[in-house]
Amino acid sequence: MAQRIRLGMVGGGNDAFIGAVHRIAARLDDRYELVAGALSSTPERARASGEALGLPRVYDDFKSMAVREARLKEGIEAVAIVTPNHMHFAAAREFLKRGIHVICDKPLTSTMAEARKMAKAVEASAAKFFLTHNYTGYPMVRQAREMVAQGELGEIRVVQVEYPQDWLTRHEDFKQAEWRTDPARSGAGGSTGDIGTHAHHLACFVSGLRVESLAADLQSFVPGRALDDNAHVMLRFEGGARGMLWCSQVAPGNENALRLRIYGEAGGLEWAQEQPNHLWHKPYGAPKRLITRNGAGAGEAAARVSRVPPGHPEGYLEGFANLYTEAAEKIIAHRDGVDAAPEVTCPGIEDGLRGMEFVNACVRSSARNAAWVTLPD
């Protein structure tokens, strides 16, 4: 086992769901040691969270953390940024320019302008940048991607992806996600930025295709809500494939119902996040078959990110941990002055830019009565 990577965290205090998820993901394969943090926007809460987590070094703000950690002989090598969207760029920039690797929550930023600045900051830095589109870490998502890449579906024709939730169905649910419904902190996209970016990235990751243009119809069904809570999007992919994307946070009865369907000239694939260990393969003219994680028919791409034998469920936390482990592989390779193995896969700055282009295009299209717009603008 290589020496653990010294990790810091910005945001994600001890009362924040996503912060706990990142900490669990970083610990699961024992590749990181969390040693420092600036865990809240206020000094008092930052100190309280750091003390509650037993961190050796606790900071009032991310800038002072970046400055001091870069000077310490045993300072952090990487930082996880789990703040609201509008803080991603400012925090990432401070660590990138000091050569500290960044693991950033999605979406990339809150604005397209800051996304482009982020890309320049990554380009100018010697450090690595990773984006936590965690669903790409699921073994059967890797299996689907491998099957598409190997041509088992033939030329891709149709890509359908959806991500419905119900947790913002009512007006009083504002309190559960105050910053997520605030354009100043979340950005121009509501459901499109929060979960639509996941759906868009999953469709592109598995199909291997980029979206070239789209037509989007965005709604804010809950009165007084400033950002969209539902979106229907038509997609045109490079090479001629067509697709549809639906994301909603006002669909009662849905929890985290991310689902992907891909069809080619030789067959189709179907995967659902709430049954993550199953992948349906539907060869044209033959009975459909169920491929299970680590079961018969599953390939090496799925096996290398699986931990337990078939029949034992793996899901959200393990998928998240796979991204942290893939990032660790790249960070350690960077430390050793070599390239990581080609099969090591973790979303990065290009994925983040495409996600922001997707949100930007959806907002532009909807403002023009769902007119077709190109990506990027």
Protein backbone atom coordinates (compact mmCIF):
# COMPACT_ATOMS: atom_id res chain seq x y z
CA MET A 1 0.00 0.00 0.00
CA ALA A 2 1.35 3.39 -1.00
CA GLN A 3 1.56 6.13 1.61
CA ARG A 4 -1.83 7.65 2.27
CA ILE A 5 -2.58 10.92 0.53
CA ARG A 6 -2.87 13.80 2.97
CA LEU A 7 -6.31 15.28 2.31
CA GLY A 8 -7.99 18.53 3.24
CA MET A 9 -11.64 19.54 2.89
CA VAL A 10 -13.35 22.85 2.13
CA GLY A 11 -17.02 22.93 3.10
CA GLY A 12 -18.84 19.79 4.18
CA GLY A 13 -19.17 20.52 7.89
CA ASN A 14 -20.31 17.82 10.27
CA ASP A 15 -24.00 18.68 9.61
CA ALA A 16 -23.66 18.50 5.80
CA PHE A 17 -24.79 15.31 4.04
CA ILE A 18 -22.45 15.55 1.08
CA GLY A 19 -19.43 16.29 3.24
CA ALA A 20 -19.97 13.04 5.12
CA VAL A 21 -20.32 11.17 1.83
CA HIS A 22 -16.97 12.52 0.60
CA ARG A 23 -15.28 11.59 3.88
CA ILE A 24 -16.65 8.04 3.76
CA ALA A 25 -15.64 7.71 0.10
CA ALA A 26 -12.10 8.88 0.86
CA ARG A 27 -11.74 6.39 3.74
CA LEU A 28 -13.28 3.31 2.16
CA ASP A 29 -10.19 2.05 0.34
CA ASP A 30 -7.77 3.55 2.88
CA ARG A 31 -6.02 5.76 0.33
CA TYR A 32 -6.41 9.12 2.14
CA GLU A 33 -5.96 10.65 5.57
CA LEU A 34 -8.08 13.72 6.33
CA VAL A 35 -5.78 16.11 8.19
CA ALA A 36 -7.09 19.64 7.61
CA GLY A 37 -10.24 21.54 6.81
CA ALA A 38 -12.06 24.83 6.46
CA LEU A 39 -15.46 23.26 6.83
CA SER A 40 -17.91 26.16 6.92
CA SER A 41 -18.47 29.71 5.69
CA THR A 42 -18.30 31.09 9.24
CA PRO A 43 -15.24 30.72 11.49
CA GLU A 44 -17.27 29.55 14.49
CA ARG A 45 -18.97 26.73 12.59
CA ALA A 46 -15.73 25.84 10.80
CA ARG A 47 -13.92 25.40 14.13
CA ALA A 48 -16.80 23.45 15.67
CA SER A 49 -16.98 21.07 12.71
CA GLY A 50 -13.22 20.57 12.63
CA GLU A 51 -13.12 19.81 16.33
CA ALA A 52 -16.08 17.43 16.07
CA LEU A 53 -14.26 15.51 13.34
CA GLY A 54 -10.98 15.52 15.25
CA LEU A 55 -8.99 17.22 12.50
CA PRO A 56 -5.36 18.03 13.39
CA ARG A 57 -5.54 21.41 11.64
CA VAL A 58 -8.68 23.56 11.43
CA TYR A 59 -8.93 26.83 9.49
CA ASP A 60 -11.42 29.69 9.46
CA ASP A 61 -11.32 30.06 5.67
CA PHE A 62 -10.02 28.25 2.60
CA LYS A 63 -7.45 30.88 1.60
CA SER A 64 -5.55 30.77 4.87
CA MET A 65 -5.74 26.99 4.67
CA ALA A 66 -4.26 26.90 1.16
CA VAL A 67 -1.44 29.32 2.07
CA ARG A 68 -0.35 27.51 5.23
CA GLU A 69 -0.80 23.95 3.95
CA ALA A 70 1.37 24.73 0.92
CA ARG A 71 4.18 25.83 3.26
CA LEU A 72 4.04 22.85 5.60
CA LYS A 73 6.46 19.99 5.00
CA GLU A 74 3.62 17.53 5.68
CA GLY A 75 0.86 19.74 4.31
CA ILE A 76 -2.07 18.41 2.33
CA GLU A 77 -1.49 16.95 -1.12
CA ALA A 78 -5.14 17.12 -2.20
CA VAL A 79 -8.29 18.95 -1.18
CA ALA A 80 -11.95 18.03 -1.51
CA ILE A 81 -14.21 21.00 -2.29
CA VAL A 82 -17.80 20.39 -1.20
CA THR A 83 -19.17 23.91 -0.92
CA PRO A 84 -22.19 25.39 -2.70
CA ASN A 85 -21.50 25.86 -6.42
CA HIS A 86 -20.64 29.55 -6.32
CA MET A 87 -17.61 28.87 -4.10
CA HIS A 88 -16.03 26.11 -6.21
CA PHE A 89 -13.87 28.32 -8.40
CA ALA A 90 -12.53 30.65 -5.74
CA ALA A 91 -11.56 27.76 -3.49
CA ALA A 92 -10.14 25.55 -6.25
CA ARG A 93 -8.02 28.40 -7.62
CA GLU A 94 -6.25 28.93 -4.30
CA PHE A 95 -5.17 25.29 -4.08
CA LEU A 96 -4.42 24.75 -7.77
CA LYS A 97 -2.01 27.68 -7.94
CA ARG A 98 -0.11 26.15 -5.01
CA GLY A 99 0.18 22.74 -6.64
CA ILE A 100 -2.43 21.01 -4.47
CA HIS A 101 -4.65 18.52 -6.28
CA VAL A 102 -8.39 19.31 -6.28
CA ILE A 103 -11.32 16.91 -5.96
CA CYS A 104 -14.39 19.06 -6.63
CA ASP A 105 -18.07 18.33 -6.26
CA LYS A 106 -20.26 18.84 -9.33
CA PRO A 107 -21.36 20.95 -11.14
CA LEU A 108 -18.04 22.61 -11.92
CA THR A 109 -19.08 26.17 -10.91
CA SER A 110 -22.17 28.37 -10.83
CA THR A 111 -21.44 30.30 -14.06
CA MET A 112 -20.02 29.59 -17.50
CA ALA A 113 -17.55 32.46 -17.10
CA GLU A 114 -16.13 30.94 -13.91
CA ALA A 115 -16.05 27.50 -15.55
CA ARG A 116 -13.77 28.87 -18.25
CA LYS A 117 -11.57 30.53 -15.62
CA MET A 118 -11.42 27.22 -13.79
CA ALA A 119 -10.24 25.49 -16.95
CA LYS A 120 -7.45 28.07 -17.31
CA ALA A 121 -6.47 27.62 -13.67
CA VAL A 122 -6.26 23.84 -14.16
CA GLU A 123 -4.20 24.29 -17.33
CA ALA A 124 -1.77 26.61 -15.53
CA SER A 125 -1.35 24.29 -12.53
CA ALA A 126 0.90 21.30 -12.09
CA ALA A 127 -1.82 19.73 -9.95
CA LYS A 128 -4.57 17.33 -11.00
CA PHE A 129 -8.27 18.23 -11.04
CA PHE A 130 -11.10 15.73 -10.50
CA LEU A 131 -14.88 16.14 -10.61
CA THR A 132 -17.12 13.82 -8.60
CA HIS A 133 -19.70 12.59 -11.09
CA ASN A 134 -20.04 9.61 -8.79
CA TYR A 135 -22.38 7.50 -10.92
CA THR A 136 -19.52 6.84 -13.32
CA GLY A 137 -17.94 4.84 -10.49
CA TYR A 138 -20.66 2.18 -10.44
CA PRO A 139 -19.40 -1.19 -11.73
CA MET A 140 -22.33 -1.81 -14.08
CA VAL A 141 -21.98 1.67 -15.56
CA ARG A 142 -18.39 0.74 -16.36
CA GLN A 143 -19.71 -2.55 -17.80
CA ALA A 144 -22.16 -0.68 -20.05
CA ARG A 145 -19.47 1.70 -21.22
CA GLU A 146 -17.15 -1.18 -22.06
CA MET A 147 -19.86 -2.99 -24.04
CA VAL A 148 -20.63 0.14 -26.07
CA ALA A 149 -16.94 0.76 -26.73
CA GLN A 150 -16.47 -2.84 -27.87
CA GLY A 151 -19.29 -2.44 -30.40
CA GLU A 152 -21.74 -4.86 -28.83
CA LEU A 153 -24.61 -2.47 -29.56
CA GLY A 154 -23.35 -1.48 -33.00
CA GLU A 155 -23.70 2.15 -34.04
CA ILE A 156 -25.57 4.08 -31.34
CA ARG A 157 -28.90 5.50 -32.46
CA VAL A 158 -30.91 6.47 -29.35
CA VAL A 159 -29.89 7.59 -25.85
CA GLN A 160 -32.54 8.18 -23.20
CA VAL A 161 -31.72 9.29 -19.67
CA GLU A 162 -33.85 10.52 -16.80
CA TYR A 163 -33.32 11.58 -13.21
CA PRO A 164 -36.57 12.28 -11.32
CA GLN A 165 -36.77 13.11 -7.62
CA ASP A 166 -39.64 14.38 -5.47
CA TRP A 167 -37.99 16.16 -2.55
CA LEU A 168 -38.73 19.73 -3.76
CA THR A 169 -42.37 19.07 -4.67
CA ARG A 170 -43.85 21.55 -2.21
CA HIS A 171 -43.13 25.18 -1.41
CA GLU A 172 -42.16 24.41 2.18
CA ASP A 173 -39.44 22.12 0.86
CA PHE A 174 -37.44 25.29 0.09
CA LYS A 175 -35.97 24.95 3.58
CA GLN A 176 -34.34 21.63 2.69
CA ALA A 177 -32.30 23.18 -0.10
CA GLU A 178 -32.08 26.91 0.42
CA TRP A 179 -28.87 27.41 -1.55
CA ARG A 180 -29.87 24.97 -4.30
CA THR A 181 -32.83 27.17 -5.23
CA ASP A 182 -30.85 30.44 -5.06
CA PRO A 183 -29.42 31.58 -8.44
CA ALA A 184 -26.63 33.51 -6.71
CA ARG A 185 -25.26 30.35 -5.10
CA SER A 186 -26.46 27.55 -7.33
CA GLY A 187 -26.18 29.18 -10.76
CA ALA A 188 -28.62 29.51 -13.64
CA GLY A 189 -29.80 25.90 -13.45
CA GLY A 190 -31.92 24.36 -10.72
CA SER A 191 -32.75 20.73 -11.40
CA THR A 192 -30.67 20.99 -14.59
CA GLY A 193 -27.57 21.94 -12.61
CA ASP A 194 -28.15 19.69 -9.61
CA ILE A 195 -29.22 16.41 -11.23
CA GLY A 196 -29.49 17.19 -14.95
CA THR A 197 -25.70 17.45 -15.10
CA HIS A 198 -25.48 13.93 -13.65
CA ALA A 199 -27.89 12.61 -16.27
CA HIS A 200 -26.09 14.41 -19.10
CA HIS A 201 -22.69 13.17 -17.98
CA LEU A 202 -23.88 9.59 -17.56
CA ALA A 203 -25.37 9.54 -21.07
CA CYS A 204 -22.14 10.84 -22.59
CA PHE A 205 -19.86 8.68 -20.43
CA VAL A 206 -21.53 5.42 -21.39
CA SER A 207 -22.33 6.23 -25.02
CA GLY A 208 -18.93 7.80 -25.70
CA LEU A 209 -20.75 10.59 -27.55
CA ARG A 210 -20.90 14.35 -27.06
CA VAL A 211 -24.09 16.41 -27.25
CA GLU A 212 -23.86 18.82 -30.20
CA SER A 213 -27.21 20.61 -29.81
CA LEU A 214 -30.34 20.53 -27.68
CA ALA A 215 -33.83 21.93 -27.27
CA ALA A 216 -34.93 22.41 -23.66
CA ASP A 217 -38.22 23.22 -21.97
CA LEU A 218 -37.56 24.27 -18.35
CA GLN A 219 -40.22 24.84 -15.72
CA SER A 220 -40.42 26.20 -12.19
CA PHE A 221 -43.66 24.58 -11.10
CA VAL A 222 -43.51 25.64 -7.45
CA PRO A 223 -44.68 29.28 -7.13
CA GLY A 224 -41.90 31.65 -6.14
CA ARG A 225 -39.08 29.29 -7.08
CA ALA A 226 -36.37 31.18 -9.00
CA LEU A 227 -34.78 28.16 -10.69
CA ASP A 228 -36.14 25.29 -12.74
CA ASP A 229 -37.43 22.24 -10.88
CA ASN A 230 -38.30 20.24 -14.01
CA ALA A 231 -36.79 19.99 -17.50
CA HIS A 232 -37.49 18.12 -20.72
CA VAL A 233 -34.56 18.19 -23.14
CA MET A 234 -34.20 16.85 -26.68
CA LEU A 235 -30.62 15.94 -27.56
CA ARG A 236 -28.66 15.61 -30.80
CA PHE A 237 -25.36 13.76 -30.44
CA GLU A 238 -22.31 13.76 -32.67
CA GLY A 239 -22.56 11.11 -35.38
CA GLY A 240 -26.33 11.38 -35.71
CA ALA A 241 -27.62 9.71 -32.54
CA ARG A 242 -30.68 11.27 -30.91
CA GLY A 243 -31.71 11.43 -27.29
CA MET A 244 -34.00 12.68 -24.58
CA LEU A 245 -33.23 13.84 -21.05
CA TRP A 246 -35.76 14.43 -18.27
CA CYS A 247 -34.79 15.71 -14.85
CA SER A 248 -37.26 16.69 -12.17
CA GLN A 249 -37.31 17.40 -8.45
CA VAL A 250 -41.10 17.64 -8.33
CA ALA A 251 -42.03 14.07 -9.37
CA PRO A 252 -43.81 12.47 -6.37
CA GLY A 253 -42.87 8.88 -5.71
CA ASN A 254 -39.35 9.19 -7.09
CA GLU A 255 -36.34 9.26 -4.80
CA ASN A 256 -33.16 9.01 -6.88
CA ALA A 257 -34.53 7.33 -9.99
CA LEU A 258 -31.63 7.88 -12.37
CA ARG A 259 -32.11 5.59 -15.38
CA LEU A 260 -30.23 5.17 -18.67
CA ARG A 261 -31.29 3.42 -21.87
CA ILE A 262 -29.04 3.16 -24.93
CA TYR A 263 -30.02 1.58 -28.25
CA GLY A 264 -27.87 0.74 -31.26
CA GLU A 265 -28.36 -1.15 -34.46
CA ALA A 266 -27.41 -4.44 -32.75
CA GLY A 267 -29.11 -4.12 -29.37
CA GLY A 268 -29.76 -2.07 -26.26
CA LEU A 269 -28.72 -1.59 -22.65
CA GLU A 270 -30.74 -0.46 -19.64
CA TRP A 271 -29.46 0.51 -16.18
CA ALA A 272 -31.22 2.00 -13.15
CA GLN A 273 -29.36 3.61 -10.24
CA GLU A 274 -31.76 2.22 -7.66
CA GLN A 275 -30.89 -1.32 -8.84
CA PRO A 276 -27.22 -0.56 -9.51
CA ASN A 277 -25.92 -4.12 -9.63
CA HIS A 278 -28.10 -5.07 -12.62
CA LEU A 279 -27.58 -4.27 -16.29
CA TRP A 280 -30.04 -5.44 -18.93
CA HIS A 281 -28.58 -6.33 -22.31
CA LYS A 282 -31.11 -6.61 -25.12
CA PRO A 283 -29.53 -8.07 -28.28
CA TYR A 284 -31.66 -7.56 -31.37
CA GLY A 285 -33.54 -10.76 -32.30
CA ALA A 286 -32.52 -12.61 -29.12
CA PRO A 287 -33.82 -12.88 -25.54
CA LYS A 288 -32.73 -10.10 -23.24
CA ARG A 289 -30.20 -11.08 -20.57
CA LEU A 290 -29.48 -9.78 -17.11
CA ILE A 291 -25.82 -9.11 -16.32
CA THR A 292 -25.07 -8.77 -12.62
CA ARG A 293 -22.11 -7.18 -10.88
CA ASN A 294 -19.31 -9.77 -10.69
CA GLY A 295 -21.68 -12.31 -12.22
CA ALA A 296 -21.52 -14.30 -15.43
CA GLY A 297 -21.02 -12.05 -18.44
CA ALA A 298 -19.56 -9.13 -16.50
CA GLY A 299 -16.20 -7.94 -17.80
CA GLU A 300 -12.95 -6.56 -16.47
CA ALA A 301 -14.09 -2.91 -16.49
CA ALA A 302 -16.76 -3.75 -13.90
CA ALA A 303 -14.60 -6.19 -11.95
CA ARG A 304 -11.79 -3.72 -11.29
CA VAL A 305 -14.16 -1.39 -9.42
CA SER A 306 -16.05 -4.13 -7.53
CA ARG A 307 -15.21 -5.10 -3.96
CA VAL A 308 -17.42 -8.03 -2.94
CA PRO A 309 -18.77 -11.22 -4.57
CA PRO A 310 -21.98 -11.18 -6.65
CA GLY A 311 -25.24 -10.95 -4.73
CA HIS A 312 -23.88 -8.55 -2.12
CA PRO A 313 -25.14 -5.05 -3.02
CA GLU A 314 -22.76 -2.23 -3.89
CA GLY A 315 -24.08 1.22 -4.62
CA TYR A 316 -23.85 4.93 -3.90
CA LEU A 317 -21.05 5.06 -1.34
CA GLU A 318 -18.94 2.46 -3.13
CA GLY A 319 -19.37 4.23 -6.47
CA PHE A 320 -18.29 7.49 -4.86
CA ALA A 321 -15.33 5.72 -3.28
CA ASN A 322 -14.29 4.35 -6.67
CA LEU A 323 -13.82 7.90 -7.93
CA TYR A 324 -11.71 8.78 -4.90
CA THR A 325 -9.61 5.67 -5.47
CA GLU A 326 -9.20 6.43 -9.18
CA ALA A 327 -8.15 9.96 -8.23
CA ALA A 328 -5.68 8.48 -5.74
CA GLU A 329 -4.16 6.33 -8.48
CA LYS A 330 -3.61 9.41 -10.63
CA ILE A 331 -2.25 11.48 -7.72
CA ILE A 332 0.21 8.75 -6.71
CA ALA A 333 1.32 8.32 -10.33
CA HIS A 334 1.86 12.09 -10.47
CA ARG A 335 3.85 11.89 -7.21
CA ASP A 336 6.02 9.18 -8.77
CA GLY A 337 6.45 11.02 -12.07
CA VAL A 338 4.68 8.37 -14.16
CA ASP A 339 1.37 8.01 -15.97
CA ALA A 340 -1.54 6.20 -14.32
CA ALA A 341 -2.74 3.00 -15.97
CA PRO A 342 -4.99 3.74 -18.97
CA GLU A 343 -7.98 2.00 -17.41
CA VAL A 344 -7.98 4.44 -14.48
CA THR A 345 -10.97 6.69 -15.20
CA CYS A 346 -12.08 9.75 -13.29
CA PRO A 347 -14.03 12.79 -14.57
CA GLY A 348 -12.04 15.99 -14.85
CA ILE A 349 -12.10 19.55 -16.09
CA GLU A 350 -13.38 18.71 -19.59
CA ASP A 351 -16.35 16.88 -18.08
CA GLY A 352 -17.03 19.88 -15.89
CA LEU A 353 -16.95 22.29 -18.81
CA ARG A 354 -19.34 20.12 -20.82
CA GLY A 355 -21.71 19.97 -17.87
CA MET A 356 -21.73 23.74 -17.59
CA GLU A 357 -22.24 24.04 -21.35
CA PHE A 358 -25.23 21.72 -20.99
CA VAL A 359 -26.83 23.87 -18.27
CA ASN A 360 -26.10 27.09 -20.16
CA ALA A 361 -27.58 25.68 -23.36
CA CYS A 362 -30.72 24.48 -21.55
CA VAL A 363 -31.33 27.93 -20.09
CA ARG A 364 -30.71 29.65 -23.43
CA SER A 365 -32.95 27.24 -25.31
CA SER A 366 -35.83 27.47 -22.86
CA ALA A 367 -35.69 31.28 -22.92
CA ARG A 368 -36.24 31.01 -26.70
CA ASN A 369 -39.29 28.75 -26.40
CA ALA A 370 -37.26 25.52 -26.60
CA ALA A 371 -35.37 26.54 -29.73
CA TRP A 372 -32.44 24.36 -30.79
CA VAL A 373 -29.07 25.70 -29.61
CA THR A 374 -25.55 24.38 -30.11
CA LEU A 375 -22.97 23.34 -27.52
CA PRO A 376 -20.83 25.21 -26.76
CA ASP A 377 -22.43 28.57 -27.53
